[in-house]
Amino acid sequence: MIVFLEGILDRKEPHRAVMNVNGVGYEAAIALSTFDRLPAEGSRFRLLTLHVVREDAHLLYGFADEEERNAFLLVTAVNGIGPKLGLALLSGMPVRELKAAIVNGDVKRLSSVSGIGKKSAERIVLELRDKIGKGDAMEAIAGEAPSGPVNAKLRDALAALVSLGHKQADAQQLIRAAMPKITEEMDVGDILRRILSGKM
C-alpha cells in the first residue's frame, strides 16, 4: 500500500499531480482542493495517497492532508459513489463545508456538485449523517457561525445539549435555529436556557 509520495512535484494540473520520487514518476488523481495547495513545480513535497488496486489497473489518488483523504474515504464508502465522484465532491466544496452539508442534510448543496444527483445526495446524507463524529459535527456547526467567542460558545452549547440527552441531529438543529439571536454577551448557560425554554 502506498500511503504517501515524497519527492519533487514534477507536474501539476487541476486533475492530476506527477511526483518524481528518486527518478520514478508517480501520477495521482487529485481534487481541485488539493491542486490549490500544491507548491510550484520543481518543489519538494509530500503528497498523501490512497492506492487502489483493481483487476485492470493500479490507481493512485493524492491529497494535501489527512482530513481530505479521510473525507474521500468517507464519501466513497457510500454505495454508488466511486473515486471519480469522491474527487468531484472534494473539488466542489471544502471538507468542512462537505461535512456541514451532510450533518445538516443539505441535499441541495450536495447535488449542486457536478455528477451528484438528488438521489446520490440523499444517499450520502442517509448513509453518512450518523458516521460523522461529534467533534466533526461541532466543527461543521462552528464553521457556519461567526469566528471568535460566539463560535466557542456554540460548540459548548452543542456538547451540553448532547450530554443532556438530545440526539446529535436535533441538537444541531436547535443550535442552528438559535444562531442569528446569539450575542457575545450571552454565556453558554444563557444560550441553553433560551433554547430549552423555546425563546430562541
N, C-alpha and C. Protein backbone atom coordinates (compact mmCIF):
# COMPACT_ATOMS: atom_id res chain seq x y z
N MET A 1 0.85 -1.19 0.00
CA MET A 1 0.00 0.00 0.00
C MET A 1 0.88 1.24 0.00
N ILE A 2 0.63 2.15 -0.91
CA ILE A 2 1.38 3.40 -0.98
C ILE A 2 0.58 4.47 -0.24
N VAL A 3 1.11 4.98 0.88
CA VAL A 3 0.35 5.93 1.71
C VAL A 3 0.80 7.38 1.50
N PHE A 4 2.02 7.57 0.98
CA PHE A 4 2.43 8.92 0.60
C PHE A 4 3.58 8.84 -0.39
N LEU A 5 3.78 9.94 -1.11
CA LEU A 5 4.91 10.08 -2.03
C LEU A 5 5.67 11.32 -1.61
N GLU A 6 6.97 11.17 -1.43
CA GLU A 6 7.79 12.32 -1.07
C GLU A 6 8.89 12.49 -2.10
N GLY A 7 8.91 13.64 -2.72
CA GLY A 7 9.91 13.88 -3.76
C GLY A 7 9.69 15.24 -4.38
N ILE A 8 9.93 15.32 -5.68
CA ILE A 8 9.79 16.58 -6.42
C ILE A 8 8.45 16.59 -7.15
N LEU A 9 7.72 17.67 -7.01
CA LEU A 9 6.49 17.82 -7.78
C LEU A 9 6.88 18.14 -9.22
N ASP A 10 6.79 17.14 -10.07
CA ASP A 10 7.24 17.28 -11.45
C ASP A 10 6.24 18.04 -12.31
N ARG A 11 4.96 17.77 -12.10
CA ARG A 11 3.92 18.42 -12.90
C ARG A 11 2.64 18.49 -12.10
N LYS A 12 1.89 19.57 -12.28
CA LYS A 12 0.59 19.66 -11.62
C LYS A 12 -0.45 20.22 -12.59
N GLU A 13 -1.60 19.61 -12.57
CA GLU A 13 -2.75 20.04 -13.35
C GLU A 13 -3.96 19.93 -12.43
N PRO A 14 -5.07 20.61 -12.75
CA PRO A 14 -6.21 20.60 -11.84
C PRO A 14 -6.73 19.22 -11.46
N HIS A 15 -6.47 18.22 -12.29
CA HIS A 15 -6.99 16.88 -12.01
C HIS A 15 -5.90 15.84 -11.69
N ARG A 16 -4.63 16.24 -11.78
CA ARG A 16 -3.57 15.25 -11.50
C ARG A 16 -2.28 15.92 -11.07
N ALA A 17 -1.48 15.13 -10.35
CA ALA A 17 -0.14 15.57 -9.95
C ALA A 17 0.83 14.44 -10.27
N VAL A 18 2.01 14.82 -10.76
CA VAL A 18 3.05 13.83 -11.04
C VAL A 18 4.21 14.09 -10.09
N MET A 19 4.54 13.07 -9.30
CA MET A 19 5.63 13.17 -8.33
C MET A 19 6.84 12.40 -8.82
N ASN A 20 8.01 13.04 -8.79
CA ASN A 20 9.26 12.39 -9.13
C ASN A 20 9.89 11.93 -7.82
N VAL A 21 9.85 10.62 -7.59
CA VAL A 21 10.40 10.05 -6.36
C VAL A 21 11.63 9.23 -6.75
N ASN A 22 12.81 9.80 -6.51
CA ASN A 22 14.08 9.14 -6.85
C ASN A 22 14.12 8.66 -8.31
N GLY A 23 13.65 9.53 -9.21
CA GLY A 23 13.73 9.21 -10.63
C GLY A 23 12.57 8.42 -11.19
N VAL A 24 11.61 8.07 -10.35
CA VAL A 24 10.41 7.35 -10.81
C VAL A 24 9.22 8.30 -10.72
N GLY A 25 8.47 8.43 -11.83
CA GLY A 25 7.31 9.32 -11.85
C GLY A 25 6.04 8.60 -11.45
N TYR A 26 5.36 9.13 -10.45
CA TYR A 26 4.08 8.58 -10.00
C TYR A 26 2.99 9.60 -10.29
N GLU A 27 1.93 9.14 -10.97
CA GLU A 27 0.81 10.03 -11.26
C GLU A 27 -0.34 9.74 -10.29
N ALA A 28 -0.88 10.80 -9.70
CA ALA A 28 -2.00 10.65 -8.78
C ALA A 28 -3.14 11.56 -9.23
N ALA A 29 -4.35 11.03 -9.22
CA ALA A 29 -5.53 11.84 -9.49
C ALA A 29 -5.80 12.69 -8.25
N ILE A 30 -6.14 13.95 -8.44
CA ILE A 30 -6.36 14.85 -7.31
C ILE A 30 -7.64 15.66 -7.50
N ALA A 31 -8.11 16.25 -6.41
CA ALA A 31 -9.24 17.17 -6.45
C ALA A 31 -8.70 18.59 -6.59
N LEU A 32 -9.57 19.53 -6.95
CA LEU A 32 -9.16 20.93 -7.06
C LEU A 32 -8.68 21.47 -5.73
N SER A 33 -9.25 20.98 -4.63
CA SER A 33 -8.84 21.44 -3.30
C SER A 33 -7.38 21.09 -3.04
N THR A 34 -6.93 19.95 -3.55
CA THR A 34 -5.52 19.56 -3.42
C THR A 34 -4.66 20.39 -4.37
N PHE A 35 -5.12 20.54 -5.60
CA PHE A 35 -4.37 21.32 -6.60
C PHE A 35 -4.06 22.72 -6.08
N ASP A 36 -5.06 23.34 -5.45
CA ASP A 36 -4.89 24.71 -4.94
C ASP A 36 -3.79 24.82 -3.89
N ARG A 37 -3.46 23.70 -3.25
CA ARG A 37 -2.47 23.74 -2.16
C ARG A 37 -1.11 23.18 -2.56
N LEU A 38 -0.97 22.80 -3.81
CA LEU A 38 0.32 22.28 -4.28
C LEU A 38 1.32 23.43 -4.44
N PRO A 39 2.60 23.15 -4.17
CA PRO A 39 3.63 24.18 -4.39
C PRO A 39 3.95 24.30 -5.87
N ALA A 40 4.89 25.13 -6.20
CA ALA A 40 5.31 25.29 -7.60
C ALA A 40 5.96 24.01 -8.10
N GLU A 41 5.84 23.77 -9.40
CA GLU A 41 6.51 22.61 -10.00
C GLU A 41 8.01 22.72 -9.73
N GLY A 42 8.63 21.59 -9.43
CA GLY A 42 10.06 21.57 -9.11
C GLY A 42 10.33 21.65 -7.61
N SER A 43 9.27 21.89 -6.82
CA SER A 43 9.43 21.96 -5.35
C SER A 43 9.39 20.57 -4.73
N ARG A 44 10.06 20.47 -3.60
CA ARG A 44 9.99 19.21 -2.84
C ARG A 44 8.68 19.20 -2.08
N PHE A 45 8.03 18.05 -2.05
CA PHE A 45 6.67 17.99 -1.50
C PHE A 45 6.34 16.57 -1.07
N ARG A 46 5.47 16.47 -0.07
CA ARG A 46 4.93 15.16 0.33
C ARG A 46 3.44 15.14 0.02
N LEU A 47 3.04 14.20 -0.82
CA LEU A 47 1.64 14.05 -1.21
C LEU A 47 1.09 12.78 -0.55
N LEU A 48 0.05 12.94 0.26
CA LEU A 48 -0.60 11.76 0.83
C LEU A 48 -1.37 11.05 -0.27
N THR A 49 -1.41 9.74 -0.21
CA THR A 49 -2.04 8.99 -1.30
C THR A 49 -2.95 7.88 -0.79
N LEU A 50 -3.79 7.44 -1.69
CA LEU A 50 -4.59 6.23 -1.48
C LEU A 50 -4.35 5.37 -2.71
N HIS A 51 -3.92 4.16 -2.49
CA HIS A 51 -3.57 3.24 -3.58
C HIS A 51 -4.73 2.26 -3.74
N VAL A 52 -5.36 2.28 -4.90
CA VAL A 52 -6.49 1.39 -5.17
C VAL A 52 -6.09 0.40 -6.25
N VAL A 53 -6.23 -0.89 -5.92
CA VAL A 53 -5.86 -1.95 -6.87
C VAL A 53 -7.15 -2.56 -7.43
N ARG A 54 -7.28 -2.48 -8.77
CA ARG A 54 -8.42 -3.12 -9.43
C ARG A 54 -7.89 -4.21 -10.35
N GLU A 55 -8.78 -5.00 -10.89
CA GLU A 55 -8.36 -6.07 -11.79
C GLU A 55 -7.61 -5.53 -12.99
N ASP A 56 -8.05 -4.36 -13.46
CA ASP A 56 -7.47 -3.84 -14.70
C ASP A 56 -6.52 -2.66 -14.49
N ALA A 57 -6.31 -2.23 -13.23
CA ALA A 57 -5.46 -1.05 -13.04
C ALA A 57 -5.04 -0.88 -11.59
N HIS A 58 -3.88 -0.21 -11.41
CA HIS A 58 -3.44 0.27 -10.10
C HIS A 58 -3.62 1.79 -10.14
N LEU A 59 -4.43 2.34 -9.24
CA LEU A 59 -4.73 3.77 -9.27
C LEU A 59 -4.25 4.45 -8.00
N LEU A 60 -3.72 5.66 -8.18
CA LEU A 60 -3.29 6.47 -7.05
C LEU A 60 -4.14 7.74 -6.98
N TYR A 61 -4.60 8.07 -5.77
CA TYR A 61 -5.32 9.31 -5.53
C TYR A 61 -4.50 10.12 -4.53
N GLY A 62 -4.33 11.41 -4.81
CA GLY A 62 -3.48 12.24 -3.97
C GLY A 62 -4.26 13.27 -3.18
N PHE A 63 -3.73 13.60 -1.98
CA PHE A 63 -4.41 14.53 -1.06
C PHE A 63 -3.39 15.43 -0.37
N ALA A 64 -3.82 16.66 -0.12
CA ALA A 64 -2.93 17.62 0.53
C ALA A 64 -2.75 17.31 2.01
N ASP A 65 -3.78 16.72 2.65
CA ASP A 65 -3.68 16.42 4.08
C ASP A 65 -4.57 15.24 4.45
N GLU A 66 -4.46 14.82 5.70
CA GLU A 66 -5.20 13.66 6.20
C GLU A 66 -6.71 13.91 6.20
N GLU A 67 -7.10 15.14 6.47
CA GLU A 67 -8.53 15.47 6.50
C GLU A 67 -9.18 15.22 5.14
N GLU A 68 -8.49 15.62 4.08
CA GLU A 68 -9.00 15.38 2.73
C GLU A 68 -9.09 13.89 2.42
N ARG A 69 -8.05 13.16 2.78
CA ARG A 69 -8.05 11.72 2.49
C ARG A 69 -9.16 11.02 3.26
N ASN A 70 -9.36 11.39 4.52
CA ASN A 70 -10.42 10.77 5.33
C ASN A 70 -11.80 11.09 4.77
N ALA A 71 -11.99 12.33 4.29
CA ALA A 71 -13.27 12.71 3.70
C ALA A 71 -13.53 11.91 2.43
N PHE A 72 -12.49 11.71 1.63
CA PHE A 72 -12.59 10.91 0.41
C PHE A 72 -13.00 9.48 0.74
N LEU A 73 -12.35 8.89 1.74
CA LEU A 73 -12.68 7.53 2.16
C LEU A 73 -14.12 7.44 2.66
N LEU A 74 -14.55 8.47 3.37
CA LEU A 74 -15.90 8.50 3.92
C LEU A 74 -16.94 8.50 2.81
N VAL A 75 -16.80 9.42 1.85
CA VAL A 75 -17.85 9.54 0.81
C VAL A 75 -17.80 8.37 -0.18
N THR A 76 -16.62 7.83 -0.44
CA THR A 76 -16.55 6.71 -1.40
C THR A 76 -17.00 5.39 -0.80
N ALA A 77 -17.26 5.38 0.50
CA ALA A 77 -17.85 4.19 1.15
C ALA A 77 -19.35 4.12 0.89
N VAL A 78 -19.93 5.22 0.40
CA VAL A 78 -21.37 5.25 0.09
C VAL A 78 -21.62 4.49 -1.19
N ASN A 79 -22.64 3.66 -1.19
CA ASN A 79 -23.00 2.86 -2.35
C ASN A 79 -23.26 3.78 -3.55
N GLY A 80 -22.57 3.54 -4.66
CA GLY A 80 -22.77 4.33 -5.87
C GLY A 80 -21.86 5.55 -5.99
N ILE A 81 -21.06 5.83 -4.95
CA ILE A 81 -20.13 6.97 -5.02
C ILE A 81 -18.71 6.40 -5.16
N GLY A 82 -18.20 6.46 -6.37
CA GLY A 82 -16.86 5.95 -6.63
C GLY A 82 -15.82 7.04 -6.49
N PRO A 83 -14.55 6.70 -6.76
CA PRO A 83 -13.47 7.69 -6.63
C PRO A 83 -13.66 8.95 -7.45
N LYS A 84 -14.22 8.82 -8.66
CA LYS A 84 -14.41 9.99 -9.52
C LYS A 84 -15.37 10.98 -8.85
N LEU A 85 -16.48 10.49 -8.32
CA LEU A 85 -17.44 11.36 -7.65
C LEU A 85 -16.89 11.86 -6.31
N GLY A 86 -16.07 11.02 -5.66
CA GLY A 86 -15.42 11.45 -4.42
C GLY A 86 -14.53 12.67 -4.65
N LEU A 87 -13.76 12.64 -5.73
CA LEU A 87 -12.91 13.78 -6.08
C LEU A 87 -13.77 14.99 -6.49
N ALA A 88 -14.89 14.71 -7.17
CA ALA A 88 -15.78 15.81 -7.56
C ALA A 88 -16.33 16.52 -6.33
N LEU A 89 -16.70 15.77 -5.31
CA LEU A 89 -17.21 16.37 -4.07
C LEU A 89 -16.14 17.23 -3.41
N LEU A 90 -14.91 16.73 -3.33
CA LEU A 90 -13.82 17.50 -2.73
C LEU A 90 -13.46 18.71 -3.59
N SER A 91 -13.67 18.60 -4.89
CA SER A 91 -13.41 19.75 -5.78
C SER A 91 -14.50 20.80 -5.64
N GLY A 92 -15.71 20.34 -5.32
CA GLY A 92 -16.86 21.23 -5.28
C GLY A 92 -17.02 22.02 -4.01
N MET A 93 -16.40 21.58 -2.92
CA MET A 93 -16.53 22.29 -1.64
C MET A 93 -15.42 21.87 -0.69
N PRO A 94 -15.04 22.76 0.23
CA PRO A 94 -14.03 22.40 1.23
C PRO A 94 -14.56 21.28 2.13
N VAL A 95 -13.65 20.55 2.78
CA VAL A 95 -14.04 19.41 3.62
C VAL A 95 -15.02 19.84 4.71
N ARG A 96 -14.76 20.97 5.35
CA ARG A 96 -15.66 21.43 6.43
C ARG A 96 -17.07 21.68 5.89
N GLU A 97 -17.15 22.27 4.70
CA GLU A 97 -18.46 22.54 4.10
C GLU A 97 -19.16 21.25 3.70
N LEU A 98 -18.38 20.28 3.23
CA LEU A 98 -18.93 18.96 2.88
C LEU A 98 -19.54 18.30 4.12
N LYS A 99 -18.79 18.32 5.22
CA LYS A 99 -19.30 17.73 6.46
C LYS A 99 -20.54 18.47 6.94
N ALA A 100 -20.53 19.79 6.84
CA ALA A 100 -21.68 20.58 7.27
C ALA A 100 -22.91 20.22 6.43
N ALA A 101 -22.72 20.06 5.12
CA ALA A 101 -23.84 19.71 4.24
C ALA A 101 -24.42 18.34 4.61
N ILE A 102 -23.55 17.40 4.97
CA ILE A 102 -24.01 16.07 5.36
C ILE A 102 -24.74 16.14 6.71
N VAL A 103 -24.12 16.80 7.68
CA VAL A 103 -24.72 16.93 9.01
C VAL A 103 -26.07 17.63 8.95
N ASN A 104 -26.16 18.66 8.11
CA ASN A 104 -27.39 19.46 8.00
C ASN A 104 -28.41 18.85 7.06
N GLY A 105 -28.04 17.75 6.39
CA GLY A 105 -28.96 17.15 5.43
C GLY A 105 -29.22 18.06 4.23
N ASP A 106 -28.20 18.83 3.85
CA ASP A 106 -28.35 19.81 2.78
C ASP A 106 -28.19 19.13 1.41
N VAL A 107 -29.25 18.46 0.99
CA VAL A 107 -29.24 17.74 -0.29
C VAL A 107 -29.02 18.69 -1.45
N LYS A 108 -29.60 19.87 -1.36
CA LYS A 108 -29.47 20.85 -2.44
C LYS A 108 -28.01 21.23 -2.66
N ARG A 109 -27.27 21.47 -1.56
CA ARG A 109 -25.85 21.86 -1.67
C ARG A 109 -25.04 20.71 -2.25
N LEU A 110 -25.28 19.49 -1.77
CA LEU A 110 -24.53 18.33 -2.26
C LEU A 110 -24.81 18.08 -3.74
N SER A 111 -26.09 18.21 -4.13
CA SER A 111 -26.44 17.92 -5.53
C SER A 111 -26.05 19.04 -6.48
N SER A 112 -25.54 20.15 -5.92
CA SER A 112 -25.03 21.23 -6.79
C SER A 112 -23.66 20.87 -7.37
N VAL A 113 -23.02 19.83 -6.82
CA VAL A 113 -21.72 19.38 -7.33
C VAL A 113 -21.95 18.59 -8.62
N SER A 114 -21.18 18.88 -9.64
CA SER A 114 -21.31 18.20 -10.93
C SER A 114 -21.17 16.68 -10.77
N GLY A 115 -22.16 15.96 -11.29
CA GLY A 115 -22.13 14.50 -11.22
C GLY A 115 -22.91 13.92 -10.05
N ILE A 116 -23.27 14.77 -9.09
CA ILE A 116 -24.03 14.30 -7.92
C ILE A 116 -25.50 14.70 -8.10
N GLY A 117 -26.34 13.72 -8.35
CA GLY A 117 -27.77 13.98 -8.49
C GLY A 117 -28.46 14.01 -7.14
N LYS A 118 -29.75 14.31 -7.15
CA LYS A 118 -30.51 14.40 -5.91
C LYS A 118 -30.53 13.07 -5.15
N LYS A 119 -30.72 11.98 -5.88
CA LYS A 119 -30.77 10.66 -5.22
C LYS A 119 -29.42 10.31 -4.58
N SER A 120 -28.33 10.62 -5.28
CA SER A 120 -26.99 10.36 -4.72
C SER A 120 -26.76 11.21 -3.47
N ALA A 121 -27.18 12.47 -3.54
CA ALA A 121 -27.02 13.37 -2.40
C ALA A 121 -27.81 12.87 -1.21
N GLU A 122 -29.04 12.40 -1.46
CA GLU A 122 -29.87 11.86 -0.37
C GLU A 122 -29.23 10.62 0.24
N ARG A 123 -28.62 9.78 -0.62
CA ARG A 123 -27.96 8.57 -0.13
C ARG A 123 -26.75 8.92 0.73
N ILE A 124 -26.00 9.95 0.30
CA ILE A 124 -24.82 10.40 1.08
C ILE A 124 -25.26 10.84 2.47
N VAL A 125 -26.32 11.65 2.54
CA VAL A 125 -26.82 12.12 3.83
C VAL A 125 -27.29 10.95 4.67
N LEU A 126 -28.09 10.07 4.08
CA LEU A 126 -28.66 8.93 4.81
C LEU A 126 -27.59 8.01 5.38
N GLU A 127 -26.56 7.71 4.57
CA GLU A 127 -25.54 6.75 5.00
C GLU A 127 -24.45 7.36 5.89
N LEU A 128 -24.23 8.69 5.76
CA LEU A 128 -23.07 9.27 6.46
C LEU A 128 -23.42 10.16 7.65
N ARG A 129 -24.66 10.61 7.74
CA ARG A 129 -25.01 11.57 8.79
C ARG A 129 -24.61 11.08 10.18
N ASP A 130 -24.87 9.79 10.46
CA ASP A 130 -24.56 9.24 11.78
C ASP A 130 -23.10 8.80 11.90
N LYS A 131 -22.38 8.80 10.79
CA LYS A 131 -20.97 8.38 10.83
C LYS A 131 -20.03 9.54 11.11
N ILE A 132 -20.54 10.75 10.97
CA ILE A 132 -19.70 11.91 11.26
C ILE A 132 -19.70 12.10 12.76
N GLY A 133 -18.52 12.02 13.36
CA GLY A 133 -18.39 12.06 14.81
C GLY A 133 -18.84 13.37 15.42
N LYS A 134 -19.02 13.36 16.73
CA LYS A 134 -19.49 14.55 17.43
C LYS A 134 -18.53 15.72 17.22
N GLY A 135 -17.24 15.46 17.25
CA GLY A 135 -16.25 16.53 17.05
C GLY A 135 -16.38 17.15 15.67
N ASP A 136 -16.55 16.29 14.64
CA ASP A 136 -16.70 16.79 13.28
C ASP A 136 -18.01 17.57 13.13
N ALA A 137 -19.05 17.08 13.78
CA ALA A 137 -20.35 17.77 13.71
C ALA A 137 -20.24 19.14 14.34
N MET A 138 -19.56 19.23 15.49
CA MET A 138 -19.38 20.52 16.15
C MET A 138 -18.58 21.46 15.27
N GLU A 139 -17.55 20.92 14.63
CA GLU A 139 -16.72 21.73 13.73
C GLU A 139 -17.55 22.24 12.56
N ALA A 140 -18.43 21.38 12.04
CA ALA A 140 -19.28 21.78 10.92
C ALA A 140 -20.23 22.89 11.33
N ILE A 141 -20.84 22.75 12.51
CA ILE A 141 -21.75 23.78 13.01
C ILE A 141 -20.97 25.06 13.26
N ALA A 142 -19.80 24.93 13.90
CA ALA A 142 -18.99 26.11 14.21
C ALA A 142 -18.56 26.83 12.94
N GLY A 143 -18.36 26.06 11.87
CA GLY A 143 -17.95 26.67 10.61
C GLY A 143 -19.01 27.60 10.04
N GLU A 144 -20.28 27.43 10.45
CA GLU A 144 -21.35 28.29 9.96
C GLU A 144 -21.47 29.55 10.79
N ALA A 145 -20.87 29.54 11.99
CA ALA A 145 -21.04 30.65 12.92
C ALA A 145 -19.92 31.66 12.77
N PRO A 146 -20.12 32.88 13.28
CA PRO A 146 -19.04 33.85 13.26
C PRO A 146 -17.87 33.32 14.08
N SER A 147 -16.65 33.74 13.73
CA SER A 147 -15.50 33.28 14.49
C SER A 147 -15.44 34.02 15.83
N GLY A 148 -14.59 33.52 16.71
CA GLY A 148 -14.40 34.19 17.99
C GLY A 148 -15.22 33.58 19.10
N PRO A 149 -15.53 34.38 20.14
CA PRO A 149 -16.19 33.87 21.34
C PRO A 149 -17.53 33.19 21.06
N VAL A 150 -18.32 33.72 20.14
CA VAL A 150 -19.63 33.12 19.85
C VAL A 150 -19.46 31.70 19.34
N ASN A 151 -18.47 31.51 18.48
CA ASN A 151 -18.18 30.19 17.92
C ASN A 151 -17.91 29.18 19.03
N ALA A 152 -17.06 29.53 19.97
CA ALA A 152 -16.71 28.64 21.08
C ALA A 152 -17.94 28.33 21.94
N LYS A 153 -18.78 29.34 22.17
CA LYS A 153 -19.98 29.14 22.99
C LYS A 153 -20.96 28.17 22.30
N LEU A 154 -21.06 28.28 20.97
CA LEU A 154 -21.95 27.38 20.24
C LEU A 154 -21.48 25.94 20.33
N ARG A 155 -20.16 25.73 20.24
CA ARG A 155 -19.63 24.37 20.38
C ARG A 155 -19.94 23.82 21.76
N ASP A 156 -19.75 24.66 22.80
CA ASP A 156 -20.02 24.22 24.16
C ASP A 156 -21.51 23.93 24.37
N ALA A 157 -22.36 24.78 23.78
CA ALA A 157 -23.80 24.59 23.91
C ALA A 157 -24.24 23.31 23.20
N LEU A 158 -23.66 23.03 22.05
CA LEU A 158 -23.98 21.80 21.33
C LEU A 158 -23.59 20.58 22.16
N ALA A 159 -22.38 20.61 22.72
CA ALA A 159 -21.92 19.50 23.55
C ALA A 159 -22.85 19.31 24.76
N ALA A 160 -23.29 20.43 25.36
CA ALA A 160 -24.18 20.35 26.53
C ALA A 160 -25.52 19.74 26.16
N LEU A 161 -26.07 20.14 25.02
CA LEU A 161 -27.36 19.58 24.59
C LEU A 161 -27.26 18.07 24.36
N VAL A 162 -26.17 17.63 23.74
CA VAL A 162 -25.97 16.19 23.51
C VAL A 162 -25.84 15.46 24.85
N SER A 163 -25.10 16.06 25.79
CA SER A 163 -24.93 15.41 27.11
C SER A 163 -26.24 15.39 27.90
N LEU A 164 -27.16 16.31 27.58
CA LEU A 164 -28.47 16.33 28.23
C LEU A 164 -29.44 15.31 27.63
N GLY A 165 -28.97 14.61 26.61
CA GLY A 165 -29.79 13.54 26.05
C GLY A 165 -30.41 13.82 24.69
N HIS A 166 -30.14 15.00 24.12
CA HIS A 166 -30.66 15.30 22.78
C HIS A 166 -29.88 14.51 21.75
N LYS A 167 -30.55 14.04 20.73
CA LYS A 167 -29.85 13.40 19.61
C LYS A 167 -28.99 14.45 18.94
N GLN A 168 -27.88 14.00 18.40
CA GLN A 168 -26.93 14.94 17.80
C GLN A 168 -27.59 15.80 16.73
N ALA A 169 -28.37 15.17 15.83
CA ALA A 169 -29.00 15.92 14.73
C ALA A 169 -29.99 16.95 15.28
N ASP A 170 -30.75 16.57 16.35
CA ASP A 170 -31.71 17.51 16.95
C ASP A 170 -30.98 18.68 17.61
N ALA A 171 -29.87 18.37 18.30
CA ALA A 171 -29.09 19.42 18.97
C ALA A 171 -28.53 20.40 17.94
N GLN A 172 -28.05 19.87 16.83
CA GLN A 172 -27.51 20.72 15.78
C GLN A 172 -28.59 21.64 15.21
N GLN A 173 -29.80 21.10 15.05
CA GLN A 173 -30.91 21.89 14.51
C GLN A 173 -31.27 23.03 15.47
N LEU A 174 -31.29 22.73 16.78
CA LEU A 174 -31.60 23.75 17.79
C LEU A 174 -30.54 24.87 17.77
N ILE A 175 -29.28 24.46 17.70
CA ILE A 175 -28.19 25.45 17.68
C ILE A 175 -28.27 26.31 16.43
N ARG A 176 -28.52 25.66 15.29
CA ARG A 176 -28.59 26.40 14.02
C ARG A 176 -29.73 27.43 14.05
N ALA A 177 -30.87 27.03 14.60
CA ALA A 177 -32.00 27.95 14.67
C ALA A 177 -31.71 29.13 15.59
N ALA A 178 -30.89 28.87 16.63
CA ALA A 178 -30.59 29.91 17.61
C ALA A 178 -29.50 30.88 17.15
N MET A 179 -28.70 30.48 16.20
CA MET A 179 -27.52 31.26 15.80
C MET A 179 -27.77 32.75 15.56
N PRO A 180 -28.81 33.12 14.79
CA PRO A 180 -28.98 34.55 14.50
C PRO A 180 -29.26 35.41 15.74
N LYS A 181 -29.72 34.78 16.82
CA LYS A 181 -30.12 35.55 18.00
C LYS A 181 -29.06 35.54 19.12
N ILE A 182 -27.95 34.86 18.87
CA ILE A 182 -26.92 34.76 19.91
C ILE A 182 -25.98 35.95 19.81
N THR A 183 -25.70 36.55 20.97
CA THR A 183 -24.78 37.69 21.02
C THR A 183 -23.56 37.33 21.86
N GLU A 184 -22.52 38.14 21.74
CA GLU A 184 -21.28 37.89 22.51
C GLU A 184 -21.51 38.00 24.01
N GLU A 185 -22.52 38.80 24.42
CA GLU A 185 -22.76 39.00 25.85
C GLU A 185 -23.31 37.75 26.52
N MET A 186 -23.97 36.88 25.75
CA MET A 186 -24.57 35.67 26.33
C MET A 186 -23.48 34.66 26.69
N ASP A 187 -23.69 33.98 27.83
CA ASP A 187 -22.80 32.87 28.14
C ASP A 187 -23.51 31.57 27.72
N VAL A 188 -22.82 30.45 27.88
CA VAL A 188 -23.37 29.17 27.44
C VAL A 188 -24.68 28.86 28.17
N GLY A 189 -24.71 29.20 29.47
CA GLY A 189 -25.93 28.96 30.25
C GLY A 189 -27.12 29.73 29.70
N ASP A 190 -26.89 31.00 29.33
CA ASP A 190 -27.97 31.82 28.74
C ASP A 190 -28.48 31.19 27.44
N ILE A 191 -27.53 30.76 26.62
CA ILE A 191 -27.90 30.16 25.33
C ILE A 191 -28.75 28.91 25.55
N LEU A 192 -28.30 28.05 26.47
CA LEU A 192 -29.03 26.81 26.75
C LEU A 192 -30.42 27.09 27.31
N ARG A 193 -30.51 28.03 28.28
CA ARG A 193 -31.81 28.35 28.87
C ARG A 193 -32.79 28.84 27.81
N ARG A 194 -32.31 29.70 26.92
CA ARG A 194 -33.18 30.23 25.88
C ARG A 194 -33.62 29.14 24.90
N ILE A 195 -32.67 28.28 24.51
CA ILE A 195 -33.01 27.19 23.59
C ILE A 195 -34.02 26.24 24.23
N LEU A 196 -33.75 25.84 25.48
CA LEU A 196 -34.61 24.85 26.15
C LEU A 196 -35.97 25.41 26.53
N SER A 197 -36.06 26.73 26.68
CA SER A 197 -37.36 27.35 27.00
C SER A 197 -38.13 27.74 25.75
N GLY A 198 -37.51 27.52 24.58
CA GLY A 198 -38.18 27.85 23.33
C GLY A 198 -38.16 29.32 22.98
N LYS A 199 -37.26 30.08 23.61
CA LYS A 199 -37.23 31.54 23.37
C LYS A 199 -36.29 31.92 22.22
N MET A 200 -35.63 30.94 21.63
CA MET A 200 -34.69 31.25 20.53
C MET A 200 -35.42 31.12 19.18
